[in-house]
Amino acid sequence: MPISPIYSKTIHIPESAIDENGHVNNVTYVQWMQDIAVEHYASIGGIEAQGADSTWVVREHKIEYFLPAFLSEEIEVKTWVENIRRVRSLRKYEFTRTSDGKTLVKGETDWVFVDVKTGSPRAVPEAVIKVFNPS
């Protein structure tokens, strides 16, 4: 069960996302996952809540491709935080083609909260947890 509201945005697929097979390159989806995660986090005040001495880094990405997407198609990207543990957080993603509602890609990222100077994991502070689940 997600602990954060679902955040979404629409992407009109640009030519730069298309690979030699004529569809969106698999690496592009990973970039979009990271971009929307940062955008969502910033939109709810996460950057301010974490302070300058900590940040999130990726531990692991998982991604499953169901259908291809093509140039000029419109897709909706949704993301949400599934859980927060002591030093980690699991974020999920779903990419859907808007013209037919078909799911193209599902993914998840295991993020680790770390000290900027040492790179060592640090406990996710209460202020950060609250931006994901303010109730």
N, C-alpha and C. Protein backbone atom coordinates (compact mmCIF):
# COMPACT_ATOMS: atom_id res chain seq x y z
N MET A 1 0.85 -1.19 0.00
CA MET A 1 0.00 0.00 0.00
C MET A 1 0.89 1.24 0.00
N PRO A 2 0.72 2.15 -0.95
CA PRO A 2 1.57 3.34 -1.00
C PRO A 2 1.41 4.21 0.24
N ILE A 3 2.52 4.82 0.64
CA ILE A 3 2.44 5.76 1.76
C ILE A 3 2.39 7.20 1.27
N SER A 4 2.59 7.40 -0.02
CA SER A 4 2.52 8.76 -0.57
C SER A 4 1.41 8.81 -1.61
N PRO A 5 0.89 10.01 -1.86
CA PRO A 5 -0.05 10.14 -2.98
C PRO A 5 0.67 9.81 -4.29
N ILE A 6 -0.10 9.39 -5.27
CA ILE A 6 0.46 9.13 -6.59
C ILE A 6 0.74 10.45 -7.28
N TYR A 7 1.92 10.57 -7.85
CA TYR A 7 2.33 11.75 -8.61
C TYR A 7 2.39 11.32 -10.07
N SER A 8 1.86 12.15 -10.97
CA SER A 8 1.89 11.77 -12.38
C SER A 8 2.24 12.95 -13.27
N LYS A 9 2.72 12.61 -14.43
CA LYS A 9 2.98 13.61 -15.46
C LYS A 9 2.86 12.93 -16.81
N THR A 10 2.64 13.76 -17.83
CA THR A 10 2.50 13.26 -19.19
C THR A 10 3.77 13.58 -19.96
N ILE A 11 4.21 12.62 -20.75
CA ILE A 11 5.38 12.80 -21.61
C ILE A 11 4.95 12.58 -23.05
N HIS A 12 5.31 13.53 -23.91
CA HIS A 12 5.16 13.36 -25.36
C HIS A 12 6.51 12.85 -25.85
N ILE A 13 6.54 11.67 -26.39
CA ILE A 13 7.80 11.02 -26.68
C ILE A 13 8.57 11.76 -27.78
N PRO A 14 9.77 12.24 -27.41
CA PRO A 14 10.59 12.97 -28.38
C PRO A 14 11.45 12.03 -29.22
N GLU A 15 11.96 12.54 -30.31
CA GLU A 15 12.83 11.75 -31.19
C GLU A 15 14.07 11.26 -30.45
N SER A 16 14.57 12.05 -29.50
CA SER A 16 15.78 11.68 -28.77
C SER A 16 15.60 10.42 -27.92
N ALA A 17 14.36 10.02 -27.65
CA ALA A 17 14.09 8.83 -26.84
C ALA A 17 14.03 7.54 -27.67
N ILE A 18 14.03 7.69 -28.99
CA ILE A 18 13.84 6.54 -29.89
C ILE A 18 15.18 5.91 -30.24
N ASP A 19 15.23 4.57 -30.17
CA ASP A 19 16.47 3.87 -30.49
C ASP A 19 16.46 3.30 -31.91
N GLU A 20 17.47 2.51 -32.24
CA GLU A 20 17.58 1.96 -33.59
C GLU A 20 16.49 0.95 -33.92
N ASN A 21 15.74 0.51 -32.92
CA ASN A 21 14.61 -0.39 -33.16
C ASN A 21 13.31 0.36 -33.41
N GLY A 22 13.36 1.68 -33.33
CA GLY A 22 12.19 2.50 -33.65
C GLY A 22 11.23 2.72 -32.50
N HIS A 23 11.65 2.35 -31.29
CA HIS A 23 10.79 2.59 -30.11
C HIS A 23 11.62 3.22 -28.99
N VAL A 24 10.95 3.57 -27.89
CA VAL A 24 11.66 4.20 -26.77
C VAL A 24 12.73 3.25 -26.26
N ASN A 25 13.94 3.77 -26.12
CA ASN A 25 15.06 3.00 -25.63
C ASN A 25 14.85 2.61 -24.17
N ASN A 26 15.25 1.41 -23.80
CA ASN A 26 15.05 0.93 -22.43
C ASN A 26 15.74 1.82 -21.40
N VAL A 27 16.89 2.36 -21.72
CA VAL A 27 17.62 3.23 -20.78
C VAL A 27 16.85 4.53 -20.54
N THR A 28 16.11 4.97 -21.52
CA THR A 28 15.32 6.20 -21.39
C THR A 28 14.28 6.05 -20.27
N TYR A 29 13.68 4.88 -20.16
CA TYR A 29 12.71 4.67 -19.08
C TYR A 29 13.37 4.82 -17.70
N VAL A 30 14.58 4.32 -17.55
CA VAL A 30 15.29 4.46 -16.28
C VAL A 30 15.55 5.94 -15.98
N GLN A 31 15.93 6.70 -17.00
CA GLN A 31 16.14 8.14 -16.82
C GLN A 31 14.85 8.82 -16.41
N TRP A 32 13.75 8.46 -17.06
CA TRP A 32 12.45 9.05 -16.71
C TRP A 32 12.04 8.66 -15.29
N MET A 33 12.37 7.45 -14.86
CA MET A 33 12.08 7.04 -13.48
C MET A 33 12.80 7.95 -12.50
N GLN A 34 14.07 8.17 -12.74
CA GLN A 34 14.83 9.04 -11.84
C GLN A 34 14.30 10.47 -11.89
N ASP A 35 14.02 10.97 -13.08
CA ASP A 35 13.54 12.35 -13.23
C ASP A 35 12.22 12.57 -12.49
N ILE A 36 11.27 11.65 -12.63
CA ILE A 36 9.98 11.86 -11.97
C ILE A 36 10.09 11.66 -10.46
N ALA A 37 10.99 10.79 -10.03
CA ALA A 37 11.20 10.62 -8.58
C ALA A 37 11.69 11.92 -7.96
N VAL A 38 12.67 12.55 -8.59
CA VAL A 38 13.21 13.81 -8.09
C VAL A 38 12.14 14.90 -8.15
N GLU A 39 11.40 14.95 -9.24
CA GLU A 39 10.34 15.95 -9.41
C GLU A 39 9.26 15.79 -8.32
N HIS A 40 8.85 14.56 -8.08
CA HIS A 40 7.84 14.30 -7.05
C HIS A 40 8.37 14.70 -5.67
N TYR A 41 9.57 14.28 -5.35
CA TYR A 41 10.18 14.59 -4.05
C TYR A 41 10.28 16.09 -3.84
N ALA A 42 10.73 16.81 -4.85
CA ALA A 42 10.83 18.27 -4.75
C ALA A 42 9.45 18.91 -4.57
N SER A 43 8.44 18.38 -5.25
CA SER A 43 7.09 18.97 -5.21
C SER A 43 6.43 18.87 -3.84
N ILE A 44 6.85 17.90 -3.03
CA ILE A 44 6.25 17.72 -1.71
C ILE A 44 7.14 18.27 -0.58
N GLY A 45 8.23 18.94 -0.95
CA GLY A 45 9.08 19.55 0.06
C GLY A 45 10.19 18.65 0.59
N GLY A 46 10.47 17.58 -0.09
CA GLY A 46 11.49 16.64 0.37
C GLY A 46 12.89 17.20 0.43
N ILE A 47 13.26 18.00 -0.55
CA ILE A 47 14.61 18.54 -0.60
C ILE A 47 14.87 19.44 0.60
N GLU A 48 13.90 20.27 0.95
CA GLU A 48 14.04 21.13 2.12
C GLU A 48 14.07 20.31 3.40
N ALA A 49 13.24 19.26 3.46
CA ALA A 49 13.15 18.45 4.68
C ALA A 49 14.42 17.65 4.96
N GLN A 50 15.14 17.25 3.92
CA GLN A 50 16.32 16.40 4.13
C GLN A 50 17.53 17.19 4.59
N GLY A 51 17.61 18.48 4.27
CA GLY A 51 18.78 19.27 4.63
C GLY A 51 19.92 19.06 3.65
N ALA A 52 20.96 19.86 3.82
CA ALA A 52 22.08 19.86 2.88
C ALA A 52 23.08 18.74 3.12
N ASP A 53 23.01 18.08 4.26
CA ASP A 53 24.02 17.08 4.59
C ASP A 53 23.62 15.64 4.25
N SER A 54 22.44 15.46 3.63
CA SER A 54 21.96 14.12 3.28
C SER A 54 21.37 14.14 1.88
N THR A 55 21.29 12.95 1.29
CA THR A 55 20.67 12.81 -0.02
C THR A 55 20.25 11.35 -0.22
N TRP A 56 19.51 11.11 -1.28
CA TRP A 56 19.11 9.76 -1.67
C TRP A 56 20.01 9.28 -2.80
N VAL A 57 20.40 8.01 -2.77
CA VAL A 57 21.12 7.39 -3.87
C VAL A 57 20.42 6.08 -4.23
N VAL A 58 20.58 5.68 -5.46
CA VAL A 58 19.94 4.46 -5.94
C VAL A 58 20.76 3.25 -5.52
N ARG A 59 20.06 2.28 -4.94
CA ARG A 59 20.68 0.99 -4.61
C ARG A 59 20.38 -0.02 -5.73
N GLU A 60 19.13 0.03 -6.23
CA GLU A 60 18.73 -0.95 -7.23
C GLU A 60 17.52 -0.44 -8.01
N HIS A 61 17.55 -0.67 -9.32
CA HIS A 61 16.38 -0.44 -10.18
C HIS A 61 15.88 -1.80 -10.65
N LYS A 62 14.58 -1.96 -10.69
CA LYS A 62 13.97 -3.11 -11.35
C LYS A 62 12.98 -2.54 -12.35
N ILE A 63 12.95 -3.15 -13.53
CA ILE A 63 12.05 -2.64 -14.56
C ILE A 63 11.55 -3.81 -15.40
N GLU A 64 10.28 -3.75 -15.74
CA GLU A 64 9.67 -4.79 -16.56
C GLU A 64 8.98 -4.11 -17.74
N TYR A 65 9.33 -4.56 -18.95
CA TYR A 65 8.80 -3.97 -20.17
C TYR A 65 7.70 -4.86 -20.72
N PHE A 66 6.54 -4.27 -20.99
CA PHE A 66 5.40 -5.02 -21.51
C PHE A 66 5.14 -4.74 -22.98
N LEU A 67 5.14 -3.45 -23.35
CA LEU A 67 4.85 -3.04 -24.73
C LEU A 67 5.75 -1.88 -25.11
N PRO A 68 6.06 -1.74 -26.40
CA PRO A 68 6.88 -0.61 -26.82
C PRO A 68 6.07 0.68 -26.94
N ALA A 69 6.77 1.79 -26.88
CA ALA A 69 6.18 3.11 -27.13
C ALA A 69 6.96 3.74 -28.28
N PHE A 70 6.28 4.61 -29.03
CA PHE A 70 6.85 5.13 -30.26
C PHE A 70 6.84 6.66 -30.31
N LEU A 71 7.60 7.18 -31.25
CA LEU A 71 7.73 8.62 -31.45
C LEU A 71 6.37 9.30 -31.48
N SER A 72 6.27 10.42 -30.76
CA SER A 72 5.10 11.30 -30.72
C SER A 72 3.93 10.73 -29.93
N GLU A 73 4.02 9.51 -29.41
CA GLU A 73 2.95 9.01 -28.55
C GLU A 73 3.00 9.78 -27.23
N GLU A 74 1.87 9.76 -26.55
CA GLU A 74 1.77 10.39 -25.25
C GLU A 74 1.65 9.28 -24.21
N ILE A 75 2.49 9.37 -23.18
CA ILE A 75 2.41 8.40 -22.10
C ILE A 75 2.27 9.12 -20.76
N GLU A 76 1.58 8.45 -19.85
CA GLU A 76 1.45 8.98 -18.50
C GLU A 76 2.39 8.17 -17.61
N VAL A 77 3.17 8.89 -16.81
CA VAL A 77 4.07 8.25 -15.86
C VAL A 77 3.53 8.52 -14.47
N LYS A 78 3.37 7.46 -13.68
CA LYS A 78 2.92 7.60 -12.30
C LYS A 78 4.02 7.06 -11.39
N THR A 79 4.17 7.72 -10.23
CA THR A 79 5.11 7.23 -9.23
C THR A 79 4.54 7.45 -7.85
N TRP A 80 4.98 6.63 -6.93
CA TRP A 80 4.58 6.76 -5.53
C TRP A 80 5.61 6.05 -4.67
N VAL A 81 5.64 6.42 -3.40
CA VAL A 81 6.52 5.75 -2.45
C VAL A 81 5.73 4.64 -1.79
N GLU A 82 6.24 3.44 -1.93
CA GLU A 82 5.57 2.26 -1.39
C GLU A 82 5.84 2.10 0.11
N ASN A 83 7.10 2.33 0.49
CA ASN A 83 7.44 2.22 1.91
C ASN A 83 8.73 2.96 2.22
N ILE A 84 8.91 3.23 3.49
CA ILE A 84 10.16 3.78 4.00
C ILE A 84 10.59 2.90 5.16
N ARG A 85 11.82 2.42 5.07
CA ARG A 85 12.41 1.63 6.15
C ARG A 85 13.46 2.49 6.84
N ARG A 86 14.26 1.94 7.67
CA ARG A 86 15.21 2.73 8.47
C ARG A 86 16.09 3.64 7.62
N VAL A 87 16.76 3.10 6.61
CA VAL A 87 17.65 3.91 5.77
C VAL A 87 17.28 3.83 4.29
N ARG A 88 16.19 3.13 3.97
CA ARG A 88 15.83 2.91 2.57
C ARG A 88 14.37 3.22 2.30
N SER A 89 14.07 3.37 1.02
CA SER A 89 12.70 3.62 0.59
C SER A 89 12.48 2.96 -0.76
N LEU A 90 11.32 2.34 -0.92
CA LEU A 90 10.96 1.72 -2.19
C LEU A 90 9.95 2.60 -2.91
N ARG A 91 10.32 3.00 -4.13
CA ARG A 91 9.45 3.83 -4.98
C ARG A 91 9.06 3.01 -6.19
N LYS A 92 7.78 3.12 -6.59
CA LYS A 92 7.28 2.38 -7.75
C LYS A 92 6.87 3.33 -8.86
N TYR A 93 6.82 2.79 -10.09
CA TYR A 93 6.52 3.57 -11.29
C TYR A 93 5.63 2.76 -12.22
N GLU A 94 4.81 3.46 -12.97
CA GLU A 94 4.01 2.82 -14.01
C GLU A 94 3.90 3.77 -15.20
N PHE A 95 4.18 3.25 -16.38
CA PHE A 95 4.10 4.01 -17.64
C PHE A 95 2.93 3.46 -18.44
N THR A 96 1.99 4.33 -18.81
CA THR A 96 0.79 3.92 -19.52
C THR A 96 0.62 4.77 -20.78
N ARG A 97 0.28 4.13 -21.89
CA ARG A 97 -0.02 4.87 -23.13
C ARG A 97 -1.39 5.49 -22.97
N THR A 98 -1.50 6.79 -23.17
CA THR A 98 -2.78 7.47 -22.93
C THR A 98 -3.83 7.15 -23.98
N SER A 99 -3.43 6.82 -25.20
CA SER A 99 -4.41 6.58 -26.26
C SER A 99 -5.24 5.31 -26.04
N ASP A 100 -4.66 4.31 -25.40
CA ASP A 100 -5.41 3.06 -25.20
C ASP A 100 -5.38 2.56 -23.75
N GLY A 101 -4.68 3.27 -22.86
CA GLY A 101 -4.64 2.89 -21.45
C GLY A 101 -3.80 1.66 -21.15
N LYS A 102 -3.03 1.20 -22.11
CA LYS A 102 -2.23 -0.01 -21.90
C LYS A 102 -0.96 0.30 -21.11
N THR A 103 -0.65 -0.60 -20.20
CA THR A 103 0.58 -0.46 -19.41
C THR A 103 1.76 -0.88 -20.27
N LEU A 104 2.74 0.02 -20.36
CA LEU A 104 3.93 -0.23 -21.17
C LEU A 104 5.07 -0.78 -20.32
N VAL A 105 5.25 -0.17 -19.15
CA VAL A 105 6.40 -0.48 -18.30
C VAL A 105 5.99 -0.33 -16.84
N LYS A 106 6.52 -1.21 -15.99
CA LYS A 106 6.42 -1.05 -14.54
C LYS A 106 7.83 -1.13 -13.99
N GLY A 107 8.09 -0.34 -12.96
CA GLY A 107 9.43 -0.36 -12.38
C GLY A 107 9.41 -0.01 -10.92
N GLU A 108 10.55 -0.18 -10.29
CA GLU A 108 10.71 0.23 -8.91
C GLU A 108 12.18 0.55 -8.66
N THR A 109 12.40 1.41 -7.70
CA THR A 109 13.75 1.79 -7.30
C THR A 109 13.86 1.68 -5.79
N ASP A 110 14.92 1.04 -5.35
CA ASP A 110 15.25 0.99 -3.94
C ASP A 110 16.26 2.12 -3.70
N TRP A 111 15.83 3.14 -2.95
CA TRP A 111 16.66 4.29 -2.66
C TRP A 111 17.24 4.16 -1.26
N VAL A 112 18.47 4.64 -1.06
CA VAL A 112 19.12 4.63 0.25
C VAL A 112 19.41 6.07 0.63
N PHE A 113 19.08 6.42 1.86
CA PHE A 113 19.32 7.76 2.40
C PHE A 113 20.74 7.77 2.97
N VAL A 114 21.58 8.71 2.49
CA VAL A 114 22.99 8.70 2.88
C VAL A 114 23.49 10.08 3.32
N ASP A 115 24.57 10.04 4.07
CA ASP A 115 25.32 11.24 4.44
C ASP A 115 26.10 11.70 3.21
N VAL A 116 25.98 12.97 2.85
CA VAL A 116 26.62 13.49 1.64
C VAL A 116 28.14 13.36 1.71
N LYS A 117 28.74 13.64 2.85
CA LYS A 117 30.21 13.64 2.96
C LYS A 117 30.81 12.24 2.98
N THR A 118 30.17 11.32 3.71
CA THR A 118 30.77 9.99 3.88
C THR A 118 30.19 8.95 2.93
N GLY A 119 28.98 9.19 2.43
CA GLY A 119 28.30 8.20 1.61
C GLY A 119 27.70 7.07 2.42
N SER A 120 27.81 7.16 3.73
CA SER A 120 27.27 6.12 4.61
C SER A 120 25.76 6.27 4.76
N PRO A 121 25.06 5.14 4.82
CA PRO A 121 23.62 5.22 5.07
C PRO A 121 23.33 5.90 6.40
N ARG A 122 22.24 6.61 6.42
CA ARG A 122 21.80 7.26 7.66
C ARG A 122 20.29 7.10 7.75
N ALA A 123 19.80 7.06 8.97
CA ALA A 123 18.36 6.88 9.19
C ALA A 123 17.58 8.02 8.54
N VAL A 124 16.49 7.66 7.89
CA VAL A 124 15.62 8.65 7.27
C VAL A 124 14.98 9.47 8.40
N PRO A 125 15.20 10.80 8.40
CA PRO A 125 14.65 11.61 9.48
C PRO A 125 13.13 11.72 9.43
N GLU A 126 12.54 11.94 10.58
CA GLU A 126 11.08 12.06 10.69
C GLU A 126 10.54 13.14 9.75
N ALA A 127 11.28 14.24 9.59
CA ALA A 127 10.82 15.33 8.71
C ALA A 127 10.65 14.85 7.27
N VAL A 128 11.52 13.97 6.82
CA VAL A 128 11.42 13.42 5.46
C VAL A 128 10.26 12.44 5.37
N ILE A 129 10.11 11.59 6.38
CA ILE A 129 9.00 10.64 6.39
C ILE A 129 7.66 11.39 6.31
N LYS A 130 7.57 12.50 7.01
CA LYS A 130 6.32 13.26 7.02
C LYS A 130 5.96 13.89 5.68
N VAL A 131 6.95 14.22 4.85
CA VAL A 131 6.60 14.80 3.54
C VAL A 131 5.92 13.75 2.64
N PHE A 132 6.24 12.48 2.85
CA PHE A 132 5.60 11.42 2.08
C PHE A 132 4.23 11.06 2.62
N ASN A 133 4.06 11.18 3.91
CA ASN A 133 2.83 10.76 4.54
C ASN A 133 2.46 11.78 5.63
N PRO A 134 1.95 12.94 5.21
CA PRO A 134 1.72 14.03 6.16
C PRO A 134 0.59 13.80 7.16
N SER A 135 -0.20 12.76 6.99
CA SER A 135 -1.34 12.55 7.92
C SER A 135 -0.93 12.00 9.27
